[in-house]
Amino acid sequence: SNFANVVFLTEQIRQAEDPAFQDLLQRARSATLTEDDVATLNMCTTENRITNGETPPERAIIRLNRIREEVHLVHLRAFTKKRGQRI
């Protein structure tokens, strides 16, 4: 192995200003999510975000190749249209 040192990170930086979310993440790691946690996470789906008038992120984790290909094609068409190009 090329690695001589191991570093353990002990502090959440991305959620430093959101202790409630830090707590939710800790419960998720320990498999002790509450019903409120699950409800909170379910409110963050792409479908709910669109319903609330938000624009979903261009990047997402997509498990099915068929759906992934469709999403990529949608973004590719928008990209080429914006630049006056053809696929």
PDB file of N, CA and C in Angstrom:
ATOM      1  N   SER A   1       0.832  -1.195   0.000  1.00  0.00           N
ATOM      2  CA  SER A   1       0.000   0.000   0.000  1.00  0.00           C
ATOM      3  C   SER A   1       0.871   1.252   0.000  1.00  0.00           C
ATOM      4  N   ASN A   2       0.415   2.284  -0.665  1.00  0.00           N
ATOM      5  CA  ASN A   2       1.139   3.553  -0.729  1.00  0.00           C
ATOM      6  C   ASN A   2       0.772   4.497   0.403  1.00  0.00           C
ATOM      7  N   PHE A   3      -0.152   4.093   1.241  1.00  0.00           N
ATOM      8  CA  PHE A   3      -0.616   4.974   2.302  1.00  0.00           C
ATOM      9  C   PHE A   3       0.088   4.641   3.615  1.00  0.00           C
ATOM     10  N   ALA A   4       0.702   5.638   4.210  1.00  0.00           N
ATOM     11  CA  ALA A   4       1.419   5.422   5.468  1.00  0.00           C
ATOM     12  C   ALA A   4       0.650   5.956   6.669  1.00  0.00           C
ATOM     13  N   ASN A   5      -0.278   6.875   6.437  1.00  0.00           N
ATOM     14  CA  ASN A   5      -1.005   7.517   7.534  1.00  0.00           C
ATOM     15  C   ASN A   5      -2.504   7.355   7.349  1.00  0.00           C
ATOM     16  N   VAL A   6      -3.199   7.306   8.455  1.00  0.00           N
ATOM     17  CA  VAL A   6      -4.658   7.272   8.452  1.00  0.00           C
ATOM     18  C   VAL A   6      -5.139   8.499   9.203  1.00  0.00           C
ATOM     19  N   VAL A   7      -6.125   9.180   8.627  1.00  0.00           N
ATOM     20  CA  VAL A   7      -6.680  10.378   9.252  1.00  0.00           C
ATOM     21  C   VAL A   7      -8.157  10.123   9.523  1.00  0.00           C
ATOM     22  N   PHE A   8      -8.582  10.346  10.741  1.00  0.00           N
ATOM     23  CA  PHE A   8      -9.990  10.242  11.096  1.00  0.00           C
ATOM     24  C   PHE A   8     -10.552  11.649  11.237  1.00  0.00           C
ATOM     25  N   LEU A   9     -11.556  11.952  10.426  1.00  0.00           N
ATOM     26  CA  LEU A   9     -12.206  13.260  10.506  1.00  0.00           C
ATOM     27  C   LEU A   9     -13.277  13.191  11.585  1.00  0.00           C
ATOM     28  N   THR A  10     -13.302  14.178  12.442  1.00  0.00           N
ATOM     29  CA  THR A  10     -14.225  14.146  13.577  1.00  0.00           C
ATOM     30  C   THR A  10     -15.218  15.298  13.583  1.00  0.00           C
ATOM     31  N   GLU A  11     -15.144  16.179  12.613  1.00  0.00           N
ATOM     32  CA  GLU A  11     -16.000  17.360  12.614  1.00  0.00           C
ATOM     33  C   GLU A  11     -16.717  17.494  11.280  1.00  0.00           C
ATOM     34  N   GLN A  12     -18.029  17.755  11.342  1.00  0.00           N
ATOM     35  CA  GLN A  12     -18.813  18.020  10.146  1.00  0.00           C
ATOM     36  C   GLN A  12     -18.586  19.467   9.733  1.00  0.00           C
ATOM     37  N   ILE A  13     -18.086  19.691   8.549  1.00  0.00           N
ATOM     38  CA  ILE A  13     -17.845  21.053   8.078  1.00  0.00           C
ATOM     39  C   ILE A  13     -19.010  21.542   7.221  1.00  0.00           C
ATOM     40  N   ARG A  14     -19.505  20.708   6.321  1.00  0.00           N
ATOM     41  CA  ARG A  14     -20.576  21.140   5.421  1.00  0.00           C
ATOM     42  C   ARG A  14     -21.840  21.538   6.172  1.00  0.00           C
ATOM     43  N   GLN A  15     -22.139  20.856   7.255  1.00  0.00           N
ATOM     44  CA  GLN A  15     -23.352  21.142   8.017  1.00  0.00           C
ATOM     45  C   GLN A  15     -23.028  21.844   9.328  1.00  0.00           C
ATOM     46  N   ALA A  16     -21.917  22.555   9.382  1.00  0.00           N
ATOM     47  CA  ALA A  16     -21.473  23.185  10.632  1.00  0.00           C
ATOM     48  C   ALA A  16     -22.508  24.154  11.196  1.00  0.00           C
ATOM     49  N   GLU A  17     -23.264  24.796  10.332  1.00  0.00           N
ATOM     50  CA  GLU A  17     -24.252  25.787  10.770  1.00  0.00           C
ATOM     51  C   GLU A  17     -25.644  25.186  10.948  1.00  0.00           C
ATOM     52  N   ASP A  18     -25.757  23.871  10.841  1.00  0.00           N
ATOM     53  CA  ASP A  18     -27.070  23.230  10.911  1.00  0.00           C
ATOM     54  C   ASP A  18     -27.023  22.029  11.863  1.00  0.00           C
ATOM     55  N   PRO A  19     -27.039  22.300  13.186  1.00  0.00           N
ATOM     56  CA  PRO A  19     -26.945  21.194  14.148  1.00  0.00           C
ATOM     57  C   PRO A  19     -28.089  20.188  14.039  1.00  0.00           C
ATOM     58  N   ALA A  20     -29.272  20.634  13.650  1.00  0.00           N
ATOM     59  CA  ALA A  20     -30.396  19.700  13.510  1.00  0.00           C
ATOM     60  C   ALA A  20     -30.101  18.684  12.410  1.00  0.00           C
ATOM     61  N   PHE A  21     -29.524  19.158  11.306  1.00  0.00           N
ATOM     62  CA  PHE A  21     -29.179  18.247  10.217  1.00  0.00           C
ATOM     63  C   PHE A  21     -28.013  17.341  10.617  1.00  0.00           C
ATOM     64  N   GLN A  22     -27.063  17.875  11.378  1.00  0.00           N
ATOM     65  CA  GLN A  22     -25.967  17.043  11.890  1.00  0.00           C
ATOM     66  C   GLN A  22     -26.522  15.893  12.730  1.00  0.00           C
ATOM     67  N   ASP A  23     -27.491  16.212  13.577  1.00  0.00           N
ATOM     68  CA  ASP A  23     -28.109  15.179  14.414  1.00  0.00           C
ATOM     69  C   ASP A  23     -28.812  14.130  13.557  1.00  0.00           C
ATOM     70  N   LEU A  24     -29.525  14.584  12.519  1.00  0.00           N
ATOM     71  CA  LEU A  24     -30.203  13.662  11.617  1.00  0.00           C
ATOM     72  C   LEU A  24     -29.179  12.740  10.952  1.00  0.00           C
ATOM     73  N   LEU A  25     -28.070  13.296  10.484  1.00  0.00           N
ATOM     74  CA  LEU A  25     -27.032  12.477   9.855  1.00  0.00           C
ATOM     75  C   LEU A  25     -26.466  11.445  10.824  1.00  0.00           C
ATOM     76  N   GLN A  26     -26.269  11.849  12.062  1.00  0.00           N
ATOM     77  CA  GLN A  26     -25.745  10.908  13.060  1.00  0.00           C
ATOM     78  C   GLN A  26     -26.730   9.769  13.302  1.00  0.00           C
ATOM     79  N   ARG A  27     -28.022  10.098  13.372  1.00  0.00           N
ATOM     80  CA  ARG A  27     -29.028   9.046  13.550  1.00  0.00           C
ATOM     81  C   ARG A  27     -29.070   8.129  12.324  1.00  0.00           C
ATOM     82  N   ALA A  28     -28.879   8.693  11.134  1.00  0.00           N
ATOM     83  CA  ALA A  28     -28.849   7.864   9.924  1.00  0.00           C
ATOM     84  C   ALA A  28     -27.658   6.904   9.968  1.00  0.00           C
ATOM     85  N   ARG A  29     -26.516   7.403  10.398  1.00  0.00           N
ATOM     86  CA  ARG A  29     -25.315   6.557  10.495  1.00  0.00           C
ATOM     87  C   ARG A  29     -25.497   5.417  11.498  1.00  0.00           C
ATOM     88  N   SER A  30     -26.236   5.684  12.552  1.00  0.00           N
ATOM     89  CA  SER A  30     -26.419   4.663  13.589  1.00  0.00           C
ATOM     90  C   SER A  30     -27.720   3.876  13.408  1.00  0.00           C
ATOM     91  N   ALA A  31     -28.411   4.100  12.278  1.00  0.00           N
ATOM     92  CA  ALA A  31     -29.665   3.399  11.958  1.00  0.00           C
ATOM     93  C   ALA A  31     -30.725   3.620  13.031  1.00  0.00           C
ATOM     94  N   THR A  32     -30.830   4.865  13.523  1.00  0.00           N
ATOM     95  CA  THR A  32     -31.834   5.187  14.542  1.00  0.00           C
ATOM     96  C   THR A  32     -32.693   6.379  14.110  1.00  0.00           C
ATOM     97  N   LEU A  33     -32.986   6.467  12.804  1.00  0.00           N
ATOM     98  CA  LEU A  33     -33.812   7.572  12.308  1.00  0.00           C
ATOM     99  C   LEU A  33     -35.193   7.542  12.952  1.00  0.00           C
ATOM    100  N   THR A  34     -35.714   8.712  13.243  1.00  0.00           N
ATOM    101  CA  THR A  34     -37.068   8.833  13.782  1.00  0.00           C
ATOM    102  C   THR A  34     -38.051   8.992  12.623  1.00  0.00           C
ATOM    103  N   GLU A  35     -39.331   8.923  12.932  1.00  0.00           N
ATOM    104  CA  GLU A  35     -40.345   9.158  11.898  1.00  0.00           C
ATOM    105  C   GLU A  35     -40.232  10.580  11.361  1.00  0.00           C
ATOM    106  N   ASP A  36     -39.931  11.537  12.228  1.00  0.00           N
ATOM    107  CA  ASP A  36     -39.733  12.922  11.781  1.00  0.00           C
ATOM    108  C   ASP A  36     -38.542  13.032  10.836  1.00  0.00           C
ATOM    109  N   ASP A  37     -37.465  12.289  11.115  1.00  0.00           N
ATOM    110  CA  ASP A  37     -36.301  12.294  10.229  1.00  0.00           C
ATOM    111  C   ASP A  37     -36.685  11.811   8.837  1.00  0.00           C
ATOM    112  N   VAL A  38     -37.414  10.715   8.788  1.00  0.00           N
ATOM    113  CA  VAL A  38     -37.828  10.152   7.505  1.00  0.00           C
ATOM    114  C   VAL A  38     -38.721  11.141   6.765  1.00  0.00           C
ATOM    115  N   ALA A  39     -39.641  11.784   7.476  1.00  0.00           N
ATOM    116  CA  ALA A  39     -40.511  12.783   6.850  1.00  0.00           C
ATOM    117  C   ALA A  39     -39.690  13.948   6.306  1.00  0.00           C
ATOM    118  N   THR A  40     -38.689  14.386   7.063  1.00  0.00           N
ATOM    119  CA  THR A  40     -37.816  15.477   6.610  1.00  0.00           C
ATOM    120  C   THR A  40     -37.088  15.077   5.341  1.00  0.00           C
ATOM    121  N   LEU A  41     -36.521  13.889   5.323  1.00  0.00           N
ATOM    122  CA  LEU A  41     -35.798  13.424   4.139  1.00  0.00           C
ATOM    123  C   LEU A  41     -36.729  13.277   2.943  1.00  0.00           C
ATOM    124  N   ASN A  42     -37.938  12.786   3.168  1.00  0.00           N
ATOM    125  CA  ASN A  42     -38.884  12.624   2.068  1.00  0.00           C
ATOM    126  C   ASN A  42     -39.328  13.960   1.486  1.00  0.00           C
ATOM    127  N   MET A  43     -39.267  15.030   2.279  1.00  0.00           N
ATOM    128  CA  MET A  43     -39.613  16.357   1.759  1.00  0.00           C
ATOM    129  C   MET A  43     -38.537  16.877   0.807  1.00  0.00           C
ATOM    130  N   CYS A  44     -37.371  16.258   0.817  1.00  0.00           N
ATOM    131  CA  CYS A  44     -36.243  16.733   0.011  1.00  0.00           C
ATOM    132  C   CYS A  44     -36.126  16.026  -1.330  1.00  0.00           C
ATOM    133  N   THR A  45     -37.140  15.259  -1.720  1.00  0.00           N
ATOM    134  CA  THR A  45     -37.064  14.573  -3.007  1.00  0.00           C
ATOM    135  C   THR A  45     -37.159  15.586  -4.139  1.00  0.00           C
ATOM    136  N   THR A  46     -36.659  15.199  -5.290  1.00  0.00           N
ATOM    137  CA  THR A  46     -36.715  16.075  -6.462  1.00  0.00           C
ATOM    138  C   THR A  46     -38.157  16.436  -6.781  1.00  0.00           C
ATOM    139  N   GLU A  47     -39.057  15.456  -6.691  1.00  0.00           N
ATOM    140  CA  GLU A  47     -40.468  15.706  -6.980  1.00  0.00           C
ATOM    141  C   GLU A  47     -41.033  16.792  -6.068  1.00  0.00           C
ATOM    142  N   ASN A  48     -40.758  16.709  -4.774  1.00  0.00           N
ATOM    143  CA  ASN A  48     -41.250  17.724  -3.839  1.00  0.00           C
ATOM    144  C   ASN A  48     -40.609  19.078  -4.092  1.00  0.00           C
ATOM    145  N   ARG A  49     -39.341  19.079  -4.439  1.00  0.00           N
ATOM    146  CA  ARG A  49     -38.663  20.351  -4.699  1.00  0.00           C
ATOM    147  C   ARG A  49     -39.270  21.047  -5.914  1.00  0.00           C
ATOM    148  N   ILE A  50     -39.601  20.283  -6.953  1.00  0.00           N
ATOM    149  CA  ILE A  50     -40.247  20.857  -8.140  1.00  0.00           C
ATOM    150  C   ILE A  50     -41.626  21.385  -7.772  1.00  0.00           C
ATOM    151  N   THR A  51     -42.386  20.611  -6.981  1.00  0.00           N
ATOM    152  CA  THR A  51     -43.713  21.032  -6.540  1.00  0.00           C
ATOM    153  C   THR A  51     -43.644  22.346  -5.773  1.00  0.00           C
ATOM    154  N   ASN A  52     -42.569  22.537  -5.009  1.00  0.00           N
ATOM    155  CA  ASN A  52     -42.390  23.770  -4.231  1.00  0.00           C
ATOM    156  C   ASN A  52     -41.783  24.907  -5.045  1.00  0.00           C
ATOM    157  N   GLY A  53     -41.663  24.700  -6.365  1.00  0.00           N
ATOM    158  CA  GLY A  53     -41.165  25.761  -7.229  1.00  0.00           C
ATOM    159  C   GLY A  53     -39.650  25.837  -7.336  1.00  0.00           C
ATOM    160  N   GLU A  54     -38.941  24.867  -6.766  1.00  0.00           N
ATOM    161  CA  GLU A  54     -37.483  24.867  -6.855  1.00  0.00           C
ATOM    162  C   GLU A  54     -37.037  24.220  -8.164  1.00  0.00           C
ATOM    163  N   THR A  55     -35.877  24.609  -8.635  1.00  0.00           N
ATOM    164  CA  THR A  55     -35.269  23.960  -9.785  1.00  0.00           C
ATOM    165  C   THR A  55     -34.381  22.838  -9.263  1.00  0.00           C
ATOM    166  N   PRO A  56     -34.611  21.619  -9.737  1.00  0.00           N
ATOM    167  CA  PRO A  56     -33.796  20.512  -9.227  1.00  0.00           C
ATOM    168  C   PRO A  56     -32.349  20.639  -9.690  1.00  0.00           C
ATOM    169  N   PRO A  57     -31.428  20.033  -8.972  1.00  0.00           N
ATOM    170  CA  PRO A  57     -30.022  20.118  -9.361  1.00  0.00           C
ATOM    171  C   PRO A  57     -29.769  19.401 -10.678  1.00  0.00           C
ATOM    172  N   GLU A  58     -28.749  19.855 -11.401  1.00  0.00           N
ATOM    173  CA  GLU A  58     -28.406  19.193 -12.651  1.00  0.00           C
ATOM    174  C   GLU A  58     -27.748  17.845 -12.390  1.00  0.00           C
ATOM    175  N   ARG A  59     -27.202  17.683 -11.208  1.00  0.00           N
ATOM    176  CA  ARG A  59     -26.551  16.422 -10.859  1.00  0.00           C
ATOM    177  C   ARG A  59     -27.422  15.674  -9.863  1.00  0.00           C
ATOM    178  N   ALA A  60     -27.528  14.389 -10.093  1.00  0.00           N
ATOM    179  CA  ALA A  60     -28.316  13.557  -9.190  1.00  0.00           C
ATOM    180  C   ALA A  60     -27.800  12.125  -9.268  1.00  0.00           C
ATOM    181  N   ILE A  61     -28.062  11.362  -8.245  1.00  0.00           N
ATOM    182  CA  ILE A  61     -27.728   9.943  -8.261  1.00  0.00           C
ATOM    183  C   ILE A  61     -28.929   9.214  -8.831  1.00  0.00           C
ATOM    184  N   ILE A  62     -28.712   8.519  -9.932  1.00  0.00           N
ATOM    185  CA  ILE A  62     -29.796   7.817 -10.612  1.00  0.00           C
ATOM    186  C   ILE A  62     -29.404   6.351 -10.720  1.00  0.00           C
ATOM    187  N   ARG A  63     -30.232   5.482 -10.180  1.00  0.00           N
ATOM    188  CA  ARG A  63     -29.875   4.063 -10.102  1.00  0.00           C
ATOM    189  C   ARG A  63     -30.115   3.309 -11.398  1.00  0.00           C
ATOM    190  N   LEU A  64     -31.107   3.677 -12.176  1.00  0.00           N
ATOM    191  CA  LEU A  64     -31.442   2.919 -13.379  1.00  0.00           C
ATOM    192  C   LEU A  64     -30.814   3.567 -14.607  1.00  0.00           C
ATOM    193  N   ASN A  65     -30.094   2.764 -15.397  1.00  0.00           N
ATOM    194  CA  ASN A  65     -29.427   3.298 -16.580  1.00  0.00           C
ATOM    195  C   ASN A  65     -30.402   3.940 -17.552  1.00  0.00           C
ATOM    196  N   ARG A  66     -31.571   3.339 -17.723  1.00  0.00           N
ATOM    197  CA  ARG A  66     -32.561   3.879 -18.661  1.00  0.00           C
ATOM    198  C   ARG A  66     -32.939   5.308 -18.277  1.00  0.00           C
ATOM    199  N   ILE A  67     -33.203   5.529 -16.999  1.00  0.00           N
ATOM    200  CA  ILE A  67     -33.579   6.867 -16.534  1.00  0.00           C
ATOM    201  C   ILE A  67     -32.385   7.804 -16.619  1.00  0.00           C
ATOM    202  N   ARG A  68     -31.205   7.307 -16.270  1.00  0.00           N
ATOM    203  CA  ARG A  68     -29.993   8.126 -16.341  1.00  0.00           C
ATOM    204  C   ARG A  68     -29.778   8.625 -17.765  1.00  0.00           C
ATOM    205  N   GLU A  69     -29.954   7.741 -18.743  1.00  0.00           N
ATOM    206  CA  GLU A  69     -29.777   8.130 -20.139  1.00  0.00           C
ATOM    207  C   GLU A  69     -30.794   9.193 -20.549  1.00  0.00           C
ATOM    208  N   GLU A  70     -32.028   9.055 -20.088  1.00  0.00           N
ATOM    209  CA  GLU A  70     -33.057  10.050 -20.402  1.00  0.00           C
ATOM    210  C   GLU A  70     -32.702  11.410 -19.804  1.00  0.00           C
ATOM    211  N   VAL A  71     -32.260  11.413 -18.558  1.00  0.00           N
ATOM    212  CA  VAL A  71     -31.886  12.666 -17.892  1.00  0.00           C
ATOM    213  C   VAL A  71     -30.711  13.310 -18.614  1.00  0.00           C
ATOM    214  N   HIS A  72     -29.712  12.515 -18.963  1.00  0.00           N
ATOM    215  CA  HIS A  72     -28.554  13.062 -19.683  1.00  0.00           C
ATOM    216  C   HIS A  72     -28.975  13.662 -21.019  1.00  0.00           C
ATOM    217  N   LEU A  73     -29.889  12.988 -21.725  1.00  0.00           N
ATOM    218  CA  LEU A  73     -30.345  13.490 -23.016  1.00  0.00           C
ATOM    219  C   LEU A  73     -31.080  14.821 -22.863  1.00  0.00           C
ATOM    220  N   VAL A  74     -31.898  14.947 -21.838  1.00  0.00           N
ATOM    221  CA  VAL A  74     -32.604  16.212 -21.585  1.00  0.00           C
ATOM    222  C   VAL A  74     -31.601  17.341 -21.383  1.00  0.00           C
ATOM    223  N   HIS A  75     -30.588  17.107 -20.556  1.00  0.00           N
ATOM    224  CA  HIS A  75     -29.589  18.142 -20.296  1.00  0.00           C
ATOM    225  C   HIS A  75     -28.713  18.400 -21.521  1.00  0.00           C
ATOM    226  N   LEU A  76     -28.412  17.356 -22.297  1.00  0.00           N
ATOM    227  CA  LEU A  76     -27.620  17.527 -23.513  1.00  0.00           C
ATOM    228  C   LEU A  76     -28.378  18.375 -24.530  1.00  0.00           C
ATOM    229  N   ARG A  77     -29.662  18.124 -24.692  1.00  0.00           N
ATOM    230  CA  ARG A  77     -30.468  18.922 -25.627  1.00  0.00           C
ATOM    231  C   ARG A  77     -30.517  20.389 -25.198  1.00  0.00           C
ATOM    232  N   ALA A  78     -30.696  20.635 -23.908  1.00  0.00           N
ATOM    233  CA  ALA A  78     -30.722  22.017 -23.412  1.00  0.00           C
ATOM    234  C   ALA A  78     -29.370  22.686 -23.631  1.00  0.00           C
ATOM    235  N   PHE A  79     -28.291  21.962 -23.394  1.00  0.00           N
ATOM    236  CA  PHE A  79     -26.938  22.484 -23.570  1.00  0.00           C
ATOM    237  C   PHE A  79     -26.693  22.877 -25.025  1.00  0.00           C
ATOM    238  N   THR A  80     -27.049  21.985 -25.955  1.00  0.00           N
ATOM    239  CA  THR A  80     -26.791  22.277 -27.370  1.00  0.00           C
ATOM    240  C   THR A  80     -27.727  23.363 -27.898  1.00  0.00           C
ATOM    241  N   LYS A  81     -28.957  23.386 -27.433  1.00  0.00           N
ATOM    242  CA  LYS A  81     -29.898  24.418 -27.874  1.00  0.00           C
ATOM    243  C   LYS A  81     -29.410  25.798 -27.455  1.00  0.00           C
ATOM    244  N   LYS A  82     -28.932  25.914 -26.224  1.00  0.00           N
ATOM    245  CA  LYS A  82     -28.433  27.181 -25.705  1.00  0.00           C
ATOM    246  C   LYS A  82     -27.256  27.699 -26.538  1.00  0.00           C
ATOM    247  N   ARG A  83     -26.491  26.781 -27.120  1.00  0.00           N
ATOM    248  CA  ARG A  83     -25.301  27.162 -27.879  1.00  0.00           C
ATOM    249  C   ARG A  83     -25.503  27.100 -29.391  1.00  0.00           C
ATOM    250  N   GLY A  84     -26.738  26.815 -29.819  1.00  0.00           N
ATOM    251  CA  GLY A  84     -27.021  26.755 -31.245  1.00  0.00           C
ATOM    252  C   GLY A  84     -26.308  25.605 -31.942  1.00  0.00           C
ATOM    253  N   GLN A  85     -26.116  24.520 -31.224  1.00  0.00           N
ATOM    254  CA  GLN A  85     -25.421  23.360 -31.781  1.00  0.00           C
ATOM    255  C   GLN A  85     -26.395  22.213 -31.984  1.00  0.00           C
ATOM    256  N   ARG A  86     -25.930  21.207 -32.712  1.00  0.00           N
ATOM    257  CA  ARG A  86     -26.735  20.009 -32.941  1.00  0.00           C
ATOM    258  C   ARG A  86     -26.069  18.821 -32.267  1.00  0.00           C
ATOM    259  N   ILE A  87     -26.877  17.858 -31.933  1.00  0.00           N
ATOM    260  CA  ILE A  87     -26.345  16.620 -31.339  1.00  0.00           C
ATOM    261  C   ILE A  87     -25.899  15.712 -32.463  1.00  0.00           C
TER     262      ILE A  87
END
